[in-house]
Amino acid sequence: MIKARFFQSGGFLTGFEVSGHAGFAESGKDIVCAAVSSAVQLTVNLLDELGFTPDVNVGDDVIRCIFQGEDIPSRMAEQLRLHFESILEEFPGTIKITISEV
């Protein structure tokens, strides 16, 4: 299962961490993992392109992205969370989404 943890402070999302594998199909053919990976990469790249300079750490099967700013970065992270919710609706049991106060 993919674990998607979003960080929140003062009512704004301030980052996220995504780890694990969906287990929907074998490695290299898992469309859920591909969808999640692509959405995370797009979000990080857009935050960077828009000048929010996210602090990104990538490890074995985990990516963590923390950013500054409130309105736009928080809304982008919220859209990522909603995207994960949509994937979860179509592929139940593949993603666990949590929001943690920091």
PDB file of N, CA and C in Angstrom:
ATOM      1  N   MET A   1       0.827  -1.176   0.000  1.00  0.00           N
ATOM      2  CA  MET A   1       0.000   0.000   0.000  1.00  0.00           C
ATOM      3  C   MET A   1       0.878   1.249   0.000  1.00  0.00           C
ATOM      4  N   ILE A   2       0.455   2.227  -0.773  1.00  0.00           N
ATOM      5  CA  ILE A   2       1.135   3.525  -0.791  1.00  0.00           C
ATOM      6  C   ILE A   2       0.647   4.313   0.418  1.00  0.00           C
ATOM      7  N   LYS A   3       1.581   4.941   1.118  1.00  0.00           N
ATOM      8  CA  LYS A   3       1.227   5.803   2.246  1.00  0.00           C
ATOM      9  C   LYS A   3       1.509   7.244   1.835  1.00  0.00           C
ATOM     10  N   ALA A   4       0.469   8.038   1.813  1.00  0.00           N
ATOM     11  CA  ALA A   4       0.598   9.458   1.461  1.00  0.00           C
ATOM     12  C   ALA A   4       0.249  10.266   2.701  1.00  0.00           C
ATOM     13  N   ARG A   5       1.257  10.910   3.254  1.00  0.00           N
ATOM     14  CA  ARG A   5       1.057  11.716   4.461  1.00  0.00           C
ATOM     15  C   ARG A   5       1.245  13.185   4.097  1.00  0.00           C
ATOM     16  N   PHE A   6       0.242  13.975   4.411  1.00  0.00           N
ATOM     17  CA  PHE A   6       0.306  15.412   4.160  1.00  0.00           C
ATOM     18  C   PHE A   6       0.506  16.125   5.480  1.00  0.00           C
ATOM     19  N   PHE A   7       1.321  17.182   5.462  1.00  0.00           N
ATOM     20  CA  PHE A   7       1.622  17.950   6.657  1.00  0.00           C
ATOM     21  C   PHE A   7       0.842  19.258   6.610  1.00  0.00           C
ATOM     22  N   GLN A   8       0.280  19.633   7.745  1.00  0.00           N
ATOM     23  CA  GLN A   8      -0.555  20.821   7.822  1.00  0.00           C
ATOM     24  C   GLN A   8      -0.146  21.674   9.015  1.00  0.00           C
ATOM     25  N   SER A   9      -0.150  22.979   8.807  1.00  0.00           N
ATOM     26  CA  SER A   9       0.147  23.918   9.883  1.00  0.00           C
ATOM     27  C   SER A   9      -0.691  25.170   9.667  1.00  0.00           C
ATOM     28  N   GLY A  10      -1.399  25.585  10.686  1.00  0.00           N
ATOM     29  CA  GLY A  10      -2.200  26.795  10.590  1.00  0.00           C
ATOM     30  C   GLY A  10      -3.263  26.746   9.510  1.00  0.00           C
ATOM     31  N   GLY A  11      -3.781  25.573   9.240  1.00  0.00           N
ATOM     32  CA  GLY A  11      -4.819  25.427   8.224  1.00  0.00           C
ATOM     33  C   GLY A  11      -4.312  25.291   6.802  1.00  0.00           C
ATOM     34  N   PHE A  12      -2.988  25.351   6.613  1.00  0.00           N
ATOM     35  CA  PHE A  12      -2.405  25.228   5.285  1.00  0.00           C
ATOM     36  C   PHE A  12      -1.571  23.951   5.192  1.00  0.00           C
ATOM     37  N   LEU A  13      -1.632  23.288   4.059  1.00  0.00           N
ATOM     38  CA  LEU A  13      -0.740  22.161   3.828  1.00  0.00           C
ATOM     39  C   LEU A  13       0.655  22.717   3.584  1.00  0.00           C
ATOM     40  N   THR A  14       1.652  22.102   4.204  1.00  0.00           N
ATOM     41  CA  THR A  14       3.027  22.592   4.118  1.00  0.00           C
ATOM     42  C   THR A  14       3.984  21.562   3.523  1.00  0.00           C
ATOM     43  N   GLY A  15       3.461  20.413   3.135  1.00  0.00           N
ATOM     44  CA  GLY A  15       4.307  19.400   2.534  1.00  0.00           C
ATOM     45  C   GLY A  15       3.629  18.051   2.509  1.00  0.00           C
ATOM     46  N   PHE A  16       4.373  17.077   1.994  1.00  0.00           N
ATOM     47  CA  PHE A  16       3.849  15.721   1.919  1.00  0.00           C
ATOM     48  C   PHE A  16       4.994  14.728   1.867  1.00  0.00           C
ATOM     49  N   GLU A  17       4.656  13.482   2.191  1.00  0.00           N
ATOM     50  CA  GLU A  17       5.598  12.373   2.106  1.00  0.00           C
ATOM     51  C   GLU A  17       4.836  11.193   1.519  1.00  0.00           C
ATOM     52  N   VAL A  18       5.406  10.577   0.506  1.00  0.00           N
ATOM     53  CA  VAL A  18       4.769   9.438  -0.155  1.00  0.00           C
ATOM     54  C   VAL A  18       5.756   8.285  -0.150  1.00  0.00           C
ATOM     55  N   SER A  19       5.281   7.116   0.283  1.00  0.00           N
ATOM     56  CA  SER A  19       6.157   5.949   0.345  1.00  0.00           C
ATOM     57  C   SER A  19       5.380   4.679   0.032  1.00  0.00           C
ATOM     58  N   GLY A  20       6.124   3.631  -0.243  1.00  0.00           N
ATOM     59  CA  GLY A  20       5.531   2.315  -0.442  1.00  0.00           C
ATOM     60  C   GLY A  20       5.126   2.035  -1.878  1.00  0.00           C
ATOM     61  N   HIS A  21       4.430   0.912  -2.026  1.00  0.00           N
ATOM     62  CA  HIS A  21       3.954   0.460  -3.343  1.00  0.00           C
ATOM     63  C   HIS A  21       2.484   0.080  -3.238  1.00  0.00           C
ATOM     64  N   ALA A  22       1.753   0.303  -4.300  1.00  0.00           N
ATOM     65  CA  ALA A  22       0.318   0.038  -4.302  1.00  0.00           C
ATOM     66  C   ALA A  22       0.012  -1.454  -4.209  1.00  0.00           C
ATOM     67  N   GLY A  23       0.822  -2.274  -4.839  1.00  0.00           N
ATOM     68  CA  GLY A  23       0.560  -3.707  -4.853  1.00  0.00           C
ATOM     69  C   GLY A  23      -0.588  -4.085  -5.774  1.00  0.00           C
ATOM     70  N   PHE A  24      -0.929  -3.209  -6.693  1.00  0.00           N
ATOM     71  CA  PHE A  24      -2.018  -3.491  -7.632  1.00  0.00           C
ATOM     72  C   PHE A  24      -1.585  -4.464  -8.715  1.00  0.00           C
ATOM     73  N   ALA A  25      -0.325  -4.359  -9.125  1.00  0.00           N
ATOM     74  CA  ALA A  25       0.227  -5.243 -10.159  1.00  0.00           C
ATOM     75  C   ALA A  25       1.713  -5.415  -9.885  1.00  0.00           C
ATOM     76  N   GLU A  26       2.361  -6.247 -10.668  1.00  0.00           N
ATOM     77  CA  GLU A  26       3.789  -6.483 -10.463  1.00  0.00           C
ATOM     78  C   GLU A  26       4.586  -5.209 -10.760  1.00  0.00           C
ATOM     79  N   SER A  27       5.753  -5.146 -10.155  1.00  0.00           N
ATOM     80  CA  SER A  27       6.620  -3.988 -10.322  1.00  0.00           C
ATOM     81  C   SER A  27       6.861  -3.713 -11.807  1.00  0.00           C
ATOM     82  N   GLY A  28       6.756  -2.460 -12.176  1.00  0.00           N
ATOM     83  CA  GLY A  28       6.943  -2.059 -13.565  1.00  0.00           C
ATOM     84  C   GLY A  28       5.654  -2.052 -14.369  1.00  0.00           C
ATOM     85  N   LYS A  29       4.590  -2.647 -13.821  1.00  0.00           N
ATOM     86  CA  LYS A  29       3.299  -2.688 -14.518  1.00  0.00           C
ATOM     87  C   LYS A  29       2.154  -2.186 -13.642  1.00  0.00           C
ATOM     88  N   ASP A  30       2.502  -1.596 -12.527  1.00  0.00           N
ATOM     89  CA  ASP A  30       1.497  -1.146 -11.569  1.00  0.00           C
ATOM     90  C   ASP A  30       1.028   0.257 -11.942  1.00  0.00           C
ATOM     91  N   ILE A  31      -0.194   0.351 -12.485  1.00  0.00           N
ATOM     92  CA  ILE A  31      -0.689   1.650 -12.953  1.00  0.00           C
ATOM     93  C   ILE A  31      -0.978   2.613 -11.807  1.00  0.00           C
ATOM     94  N   VAL A  32      -1.287   2.087 -10.632  1.00  0.00           N
ATOM     95  CA  VAL A  32      -1.524   2.961  -9.483  1.00  0.00           C
ATOM     96  C   VAL A  32      -0.215   3.626  -9.069  1.00  0.00           C
ATOM     97  N   CYS A  33       0.851   2.835  -8.972  1.00  0.00           N
ATOM     98  CA  CYS A  33       2.162   3.410  -8.637  1.00  0.00           C
ATOM     99  C   CYS A  33       2.582   4.448  -9.680  1.00  0.00           C
ATOM    100  N   ALA A  34       2.343   4.141 -10.939  1.00  0.00           N
ATOM    101  CA  ALA A  34       2.713   5.065 -12.011  1.00  0.00           C
ATOM    102  C   ALA A  34       1.934   6.376 -11.892  1.00  0.00           C
ATOM    103  N   ALA A  35       0.641   6.284 -11.605  1.00  0.00           N
ATOM    104  CA  ALA A  35      -0.186   7.494 -11.479  1.00  0.00           C
ATOM    105  C   ALA A  35       0.265   8.346 -10.299  1.00  0.00           C
ATOM    106  N   VAL A  36       0.531   7.708  -9.169  1.00  0.00           N
ATOM    107  CA  VAL A  36       0.961   8.431  -7.984  1.00  0.00           C
ATOM    108  C   VAL A  36       2.332   9.065  -8.207  1.00  0.00           C
ATOM    109  N   SER A  37       3.270   8.299  -8.753  1.00  0.00           N
ATOM    110  CA  SER A  37       4.618   8.813  -9.012  1.00  0.00           C
ATOM    111  C   SER A  37       4.590  10.006  -9.945  1.00  0.00           C
ATOM    112  N   SER A  38       3.810   9.905 -10.998  1.00  0.00           N
ATOM    113  CA  SER A  38       3.718  10.991 -11.969  1.00  0.00           C
ATOM    114  C   SER A  38       3.123  12.253 -11.335  1.00  0.00           C
ATOM    115  N   ALA A  39       2.068  12.088 -10.538  1.00  0.00           N
ATOM    116  CA  ALA A  39       1.433  13.242  -9.889  1.00  0.00           C
ATOM    117  C   ALA A  39       2.377  13.911  -8.895  1.00  0.00           C
ATOM    118  N   VAL A  40       3.128  13.103  -8.143  1.00  0.00           N
ATOM    119  CA  VAL A  40       4.086  13.659  -7.182  1.00  0.00           C
ATOM    120  C   VAL A  40       5.183  14.424  -7.910  1.00  0.00           C
ATOM    121  N   GLN A  41       5.710  13.839  -8.963  1.00  0.00           N
ATOM    122  CA  GLN A  41       6.783  14.492  -9.720  1.00  0.00           C
ATOM    123  C   GLN A  41       6.287  15.803 -10.330  1.00  0.00           C
ATOM    124  N   LEU A  42       5.099  15.803 -10.887  1.00  0.00           N
ATOM    125  CA  LEU A  42       4.538  17.027 -11.458  1.00  0.00           C
ATOM    126  C   LEU A  42       4.366  18.106 -10.388  1.00  0.00           C
ATOM    127  N   THR A  43       3.850  17.734  -9.231  1.00  0.00           N
ATOM    128  CA  THR A  43       3.643  18.698  -8.147  1.00  0.00           C
ATOM    129  C   THR A  43       4.963  19.313  -7.699  1.00  0.00           C
ATOM    130  N   VAL A  44       5.968  18.479  -7.467  1.00  0.00           N
ATOM    131  CA  VAL A  44       7.283  18.979  -7.043  1.00  0.00           C
ATOM    132  C   VAL A  44       7.874  19.896  -8.111  1.00  0.00           C
ATOM    133  N   ASN A  45       7.794  19.491  -9.372  1.00  0.00           N
ATOM    134  CA  ASN A  45       8.347  20.301 -10.455  1.00  0.00           C
ATOM    135  C   ASN A  45       7.627  21.644 -10.587  1.00  0.00           C
ATOM    136  N   LEU A  46       6.308  21.648 -10.433  1.00  0.00           N
ATOM    137  CA  LEU A  46       5.560  22.905 -10.508  1.00  0.00           C
ATOM    138  C   LEU A  46       5.896  23.830  -9.341  1.00  0.00           C
ATOM    139  N   LEU A  47       5.998  23.270  -8.142  1.00  0.00           N
ATOM    140  CA  LEU A  47       6.387  24.097  -6.991  1.00  0.00           C
ATOM    141  C   LEU A  47       7.738  24.756  -7.241  1.00  0.00           C
ATOM    142  N   ASP A  48       8.666  23.992  -7.779  1.00  0.00           N
ATOM    143  CA  ASP A  48       9.990  24.522  -8.073  1.00  0.00           C
ATOM    144  C   ASP A  48       9.933  25.580  -9.180  1.00  0.00           C
ATOM    145  N   GLU A  49       9.213  25.283 -10.236  1.00  0.00           N
ATOM    146  CA  GLU A  49       9.110  26.198 -11.375  1.00  0.00           C
ATOM    147  C   GLU A  49       8.465  27.532 -10.979  1.00  0.00           C
ATOM    148  N   LEU A  50       7.518  27.468 -10.047  1.00  0.00           N
ATOM    149  CA  LEU A  50       6.827  28.682  -9.609  1.00  0.00           C
ATOM    150  C   LEU A  50       7.585  29.436  -8.520  1.00  0.00           C
ATOM    151  N   GLY A  51       8.783  28.962  -8.182  1.00  0.00           N
ATOM    152  CA  GLY A  51       9.653  29.690  -7.272  1.00  0.00           C
ATOM    153  C   GLY A  51       9.441  29.416  -5.792  1.00  0.00           C
ATOM    154  N   PHE A  52       8.759  28.321  -5.456  1.00  0.00           N
ATOM    155  CA  PHE A  52       8.521  28.024  -4.047  1.00  0.00           C
ATOM    156  C   PHE A  52       9.629  27.172  -3.434  1.00  0.00           C
ATOM    157  N   THR A  53      10.642  26.849  -4.207  1.00  0.00           N
ATOM    158  CA  THR A  53      11.840  26.121  -3.768  1.00  0.00           C
ATOM    159  C   THR A  53      11.558  25.041  -2.726  1.00  0.00           C
ATOM    160  N   PRO A  54      10.880  23.988  -3.128  1.00  0.00           N
ATOM    161  CA  PRO A  54      10.576  22.935  -2.163  1.00  0.00           C
ATOM    162  C   PRO A  54      11.839  22.213  -1.693  1.00  0.00           C
ATOM    163  N   ASP A  55      11.828  21.811  -0.436  1.00  0.00           N
ATOM    164  CA  ASP A  55      12.899  20.995   0.125  1.00  0.00           C
ATOM    165  C   ASP A  55      12.493  19.543  -0.141  1.00  0.00           C
ATOM    166  N   VAL A  56      13.175  18.897  -1.070  1.00  0.00           N
ATOM    167  CA  VAL A  56      12.803  17.554  -1.505  1.00  0.00           C
ATOM    168  C   VAL A  56      13.884  16.566  -1.105  1.00  0.00           C
ATOM    169  N   ASN A  57      13.458  15.489  -0.463  1.00  0.00           N
ATOM    170  CA  ASN A  57      14.354  14.391  -0.100  1.00  0.00           C
ATOM    171  C   ASN A  57      13.794  13.105  -0.687  1.00  0.00           C
ATOM    172  N   VAL A  58      14.656  12.395  -1.413  1.00  0.00           N
ATOM    173  CA  VAL A  58      14.258  11.147  -2.042  1.00  0.00           C
ATOM    174  C   VAL A  58      15.105  10.031  -1.465  1.00  0.00           C
ATOM    175  N   GLY A  59      14.440   8.958  -1.047  1.00  0.00           N
ATOM    176  CA  GLY A  59      15.125   7.776  -0.524  1.00  0.00           C
ATOM    177  C   GLY A  59      14.571   6.530  -1.189  1.00  0.00           C
ATOM    178  N   ASP A  60      14.901   5.391  -0.639  1.00  0.00           N
ATOM    179  CA  ASP A  60      14.364   4.139  -1.170  1.00  0.00           C
ATOM    180  C   ASP A  60      12.857   4.104  -0.929  1.00  0.00           C
ATOM    181  N   ASP A  61      12.103   4.142  -1.994  1.00  0.00           N
ATOM    182  CA  ASP A  61      10.634   4.062  -1.945  1.00  0.00           C
ATOM    183  C   ASP A  61       9.975   5.169  -1.133  1.00  0.00           C
ATOM    184  N   VAL A  62      10.608   6.334  -1.044  1.00  0.00           N
ATOM    185  CA  VAL A  62       9.993   7.443  -0.314  1.00  0.00           C
ATOM    186  C   VAL A  62      10.441   8.780  -0.902  1.00  0.00           C
ATOM    187  N   ILE A  63       9.507   9.713  -0.947  1.00  0.00           N
ATOM    188  CA  ILE A  63       9.836  11.087  -1.319  1.00  0.00           C
ATOM    189  C   ILE A  63       9.135  12.002  -0.323  1.00  0.00           C
ATOM    190  N   ARG A  64       9.863  12.993   0.126  1.00  0.00           N
ATOM    191  CA  ARG A  64       9.331  13.962   1.085  1.00  0.00           C
ATOM    192  C   ARG A  64       9.539  15.353   0.493  1.00  0.00           C
ATOM    193  N   CYS A  65       8.497  16.152   0.508  1.00  0.00           N
ATOM    194  CA  CYS A  65       8.545  17.500  -0.057  1.00  0.00           C
ATOM    195  C   CYS A  65       7.947  18.472   0.948  1.00  0.00           C
ATOM    196  N   ILE A  66       8.763  19.430   1.390  1.00  0.00           N
ATOM    197  CA  ILE A  66       8.322  20.471   2.314  1.00  0.00           C
ATOM    198  C   ILE A  66       8.511  21.807   1.596  1.00  0.00           C
ATOM    199  N   PHE A  67       7.534  22.703   1.733  1.00  0.00           N
ATOM    200  CA  PHE A  67       7.619  23.969   1.008  1.00  0.00           C
ATOM    201  C   PHE A  67       7.183  25.130   1.874  1.00  0.00           C
ATOM    202  N   GLN A  68       7.565  26.316   1.445  1.00  0.00           N
ATOM    203  CA  GLN A  68       7.190  27.562   2.102  1.00  0.00           C
ATOM    204  C   GLN A  68       6.082  28.217   1.290  1.00  0.00           C
ATOM    205  N   GLY A  69       5.397  29.115   1.903  1.00  0.00           N
ATOM    206  CA  GLY A  69       4.294  29.794   1.228  1.00  0.00           C
ATOM    207  C   GLY A  69       3.000  29.163   1.683  1.00  0.00           C
ATOM    208  N   GLU A  70       1.934  29.898   1.567  1.00  0.00           N
ATOM    209  CA  GLU A  70       0.676  29.373   2.074  1.00  0.00           C
ATOM    210  C   GLU A  70      -0.314  29.079   0.966  1.00  0.00           C
ATOM    211  N   ASP A  71      -0.786  30.075   0.294  1.00  0.00           N
ATOM    212  CA  ASP A  71      -1.923  29.913  -0.609  1.00  0.00           C
ATOM    213  C   ASP A  71      -1.659  28.942  -1.758  1.00  0.00           C
ATOM    214  N   ILE A  72      -0.817  29.314  -2.685  1.00  0.00           N
ATOM    215  CA  ILE A  72      -0.634  28.505  -3.899  1.00  0.00           C
ATOM    216  C   ILE A  72      -0.029  27.134  -3.598  1.00  0.00           C
ATOM    217  N   PRO A  73       1.069  27.033  -2.849  1.00  0.00           N
ATOM    218  CA  PRO A  73       1.616  25.702  -2.572  1.00  0.00           C
ATOM    219  C   PRO A  73       0.632  24.807  -1.818  1.00  0.00           C
ATOM    220  N   SER A  74      -0.087  25.378  -0.871  1.00  0.00           N
ATOM    221  CA  SER A  74      -1.060  24.600  -0.114  1.00  0.00           C
ATOM    222  C   SER A  74      -2.177  24.087  -1.027  1.00  0.00           C
ATOM    223  N   ARG A  75      -2.638  24.937  -1.928  1.00  0.00           N
ATOM    224  CA  ARG A  75      -3.693  24.525  -2.868  1.00  0.00           C
ATOM    225  C   ARG A  75      -3.182  23.452  -3.809  1.00  0.00           C
ATOM    226  N   MET A  76      -1.928  23.541  -4.219  1.00  0.00           N
ATOM    227  CA  MET A  76      -1.356  22.499  -5.093  1.00  0.00           C
ATOM    228  C   MET A  76      -1.292  21.165  -4.351  1.00  0.00           C
ATOM    229  N   ALA A  77      -0.861  21.197  -3.098  1.00  0.00           N
ATOM    230  CA  ALA A  77      -0.802  19.970  -2.302  1.00  0.00           C
ATOM    231  C   ALA A  77      -2.202  19.408  -2.070  1.00  0.00           C
ATOM    232  N   GLU A  78      -3.172  20.283  -1.877  1.00  0.00           N
ATOM    233  CA  GLU A  78      -4.559  19.834  -1.699  1.00  0.00           C
ATOM    234  C   GLU A  78      -5.068  19.156  -2.970  1.00  0.00           C
ATOM    235  N   GLN A  79      -4.709  19.684  -4.118  1.00  0.00           N
ATOM    236  CA  GLN A  79      -5.104  19.047  -5.375  1.00  0.00           C
ATOM    237  C   GLN A  79      -4.435  17.676  -5.540  1.00  0.00           C
ATOM    238  N   LEU A  80      -3.200  17.564  -5.082  1.00  0.00           N
ATOM    239  CA  LEU A  80      -2.520  16.270  -5.101  1.00  0.00           C
ATOM    240  C   LEU A  80      -3.272  15.282  -4.210  1.00  0.00           C
ATOM    241  N   ARG A  81      -3.666  15.736  -3.027  1.00  0.00           N
ATOM    242  CA  ARG A  81      -4.429  14.874  -2.121  1.00  0.00           C
ATOM    243  C   ARG A  81      -5.747  14.438  -2.753  1.00  0.00           C
ATOM    244  N   LEU A  82      -6.441  15.363  -3.392  1.00  0.00           N
ATOM    245  CA  LEU A  82      -7.697  15.032  -4.063  1.00  0.00           C
ATOM    246  C   LEU A  82      -7.478  14.048  -5.215  1.00  0.00           C
ATOM    247  N   HIS A  83      -6.380  14.209  -5.910  1.00  0.00           N
ATOM    248  CA  HIS A  83      -6.022  13.276  -6.990  1.00  0.00           C
ATOM    249  C   HIS A  83      -5.838  11.865  -6.419  1.00  0.00           C
ATOM    250  N   PHE A  84      -5.131  11.785  -5.294  1.00  0.00           N
ATOM    251  CA  PHE A  84      -4.948  10.487  -4.634  1.00  0.00           C
ATOM    252  C   PHE A  84      -6.291   9.903  -4.212  1.00  0.00           C
ATOM    253  N   GLU A  85      -7.206  10.748  -3.717  1.00  0.00           N
ATOM    254  CA  GLU A  85      -8.546  10.281  -3.338  1.00  0.00           C
ATOM    255  C   GLU A  85      -9.273   9.684  -4.547  1.00  0.00           C
ATOM    256  N   SER A  86      -9.125  10.326  -5.699  1.00  0.00           N
ATOM    257  CA  SER A  86      -9.760   9.813  -6.917  1.00  0.00           C
ATOM    258  C   SER A  86      -9.185   8.464  -7.318  1.00  0.00           C
ATOM    259  N   ILE A  87      -7.877   8.332  -7.222  1.00  0.00           N
ATOM    260  CA  ILE A  87      -7.234   7.053  -7.532  1.00  0.00           C
ATOM    261  C   ILE A  87      -7.738   5.985  -6.560  1.00  0.00           C
ATOM    262  N   LEU A  88      -7.819   6.342  -5.295  1.00  0.00           N
ATOM    263  CA  LEU A  88      -8.265   5.413  -4.261  1.00  0.00           C
ATOM    264  C   LEU A  88      -9.698   4.940  -4.505  1.00  0.00           C
ATOM    265  N   GLU A  89     -10.553   5.837  -4.979  1.00  0.00           N
ATOM    266  CA  GLU A  89     -11.933   5.442  -5.301  1.00  0.00           C
ATOM    267  C   GLU A  89     -11.969   4.366  -6.378  1.00  0.00           C
ATOM    268  N   GLU A  90     -11.112   4.512  -7.374  1.00  0.00           N
ATOM    269  CA  GLU A  90     -11.093   3.550  -8.481  1.00  0.00           C
ATOM    270  C   GLU A  90     -10.329   2.279  -8.132  1.00  0.00           C
ATOM    271  N   PHE A  91      -9.326   2.409  -7.251  1.00  0.00           N
ATOM    272  CA  PHE A  91      -8.486   1.266  -6.878  1.00  0.00           C
ATOM    273  C   PHE A  91      -8.421   1.171  -5.348  1.00  0.00           C
ATOM    274  N   PRO A  92      -9.501   0.712  -4.716  1.00  0.00           N
ATOM    275  CA  PRO A  92      -9.569   0.659  -3.251  1.00  0.00           C
ATOM    276  C   PRO A  92      -8.424  -0.157  -2.640  1.00  0.00           C
ATOM    277  N   GLY A  93      -7.996   0.309  -1.462  1.00  0.00           N
ATOM    278  CA  GLY A  93      -6.974  -0.406  -0.713  1.00  0.00           C
ATOM    279  C   GLY A  93      -5.553  -0.225  -1.202  1.00  0.00           C
ATOM    280  N   THR A  94      -5.337   0.716  -2.127  1.00  0.00           N
ATOM    281  CA  THR A  94      -3.996   0.906  -2.686  1.00  0.00           C
ATOM    282  C   THR A  94      -3.241   2.087  -2.085  1.00  0.00           C
ATOM    283  N   ILE A  95      -3.979   3.036  -1.487  1.00  0.00           N
ATOM    284  CA  ILE A  95      -3.357   4.243  -0.931  1.00  0.00           C
ATOM    285  C   ILE A  95      -3.985   4.534   0.438  1.00  0.00           C
ATOM    286  N   LYS A  96      -3.137   4.858   1.392  1.00  0.00           N
ATOM    287  CA  LYS A  96      -3.610   5.333   2.695  1.00  0.00           C
ATOM    288  C   LYS A  96      -3.202   6.794   2.797  1.00  0.00           C
ATOM    289  N   ILE A  97      -4.179   7.676   2.970  1.00  0.00           N
ATOM    290  CA  ILE A  97      -3.947   9.120   3.012  1.00  0.00           C
ATOM    291  C   ILE A  97      -4.182   9.625   4.432  1.00  0.00           C
ATOM    292  N   THR A  98      -3.197  10.340   4.958  1.00  0.00           N
ATOM    293  CA  THR A  98      -3.344  10.944   6.284  1.00  0.00           C
ATOM    294  C   THR A  98      -2.886  12.399   6.239  1.00  0.00           C
ATOM    295  N   ILE A  99      -3.392  13.177   7.178  1.00  0.00           N
ATOM    296  CA  ILE A  99      -2.967  14.567   7.339  1.00  0.00           C
ATOM    297  C   ILE A  99      -2.486  14.721   8.777  1.00  0.00           C
ATOM    298  N   SER A 100      -1.250  15.211   8.928  1.00  0.00           N
ATOM    299  CA  SER A 100      -0.643  15.379  10.254  1.00  0.00           C
ATOM    300  C   SER A 100      -0.394  16.851  10.532  1.00  0.00           C
ATOM    301  N   GLU A 101      -0.782  17.306  11.723  1.00  0.00           N
ATOM    302  CA  GLU A 101      -0.462  18.666  12.155  1.00  0.00           C
ATOM    303  C   GLU A 101       1.014  18.737  12.523  1.00  0.00           C
ATOM    304  N   VAL A 102       1.679  19.783  12.071  1.00  0.00           N
ATOM    305  CA  VAL A 102       3.096  19.977  12.404  1.00  0.00           C
ATOM    306  C   VAL A 102       3.289  21.310  13.092  1.00  0.00           C
TER     307      VAL A 102
END
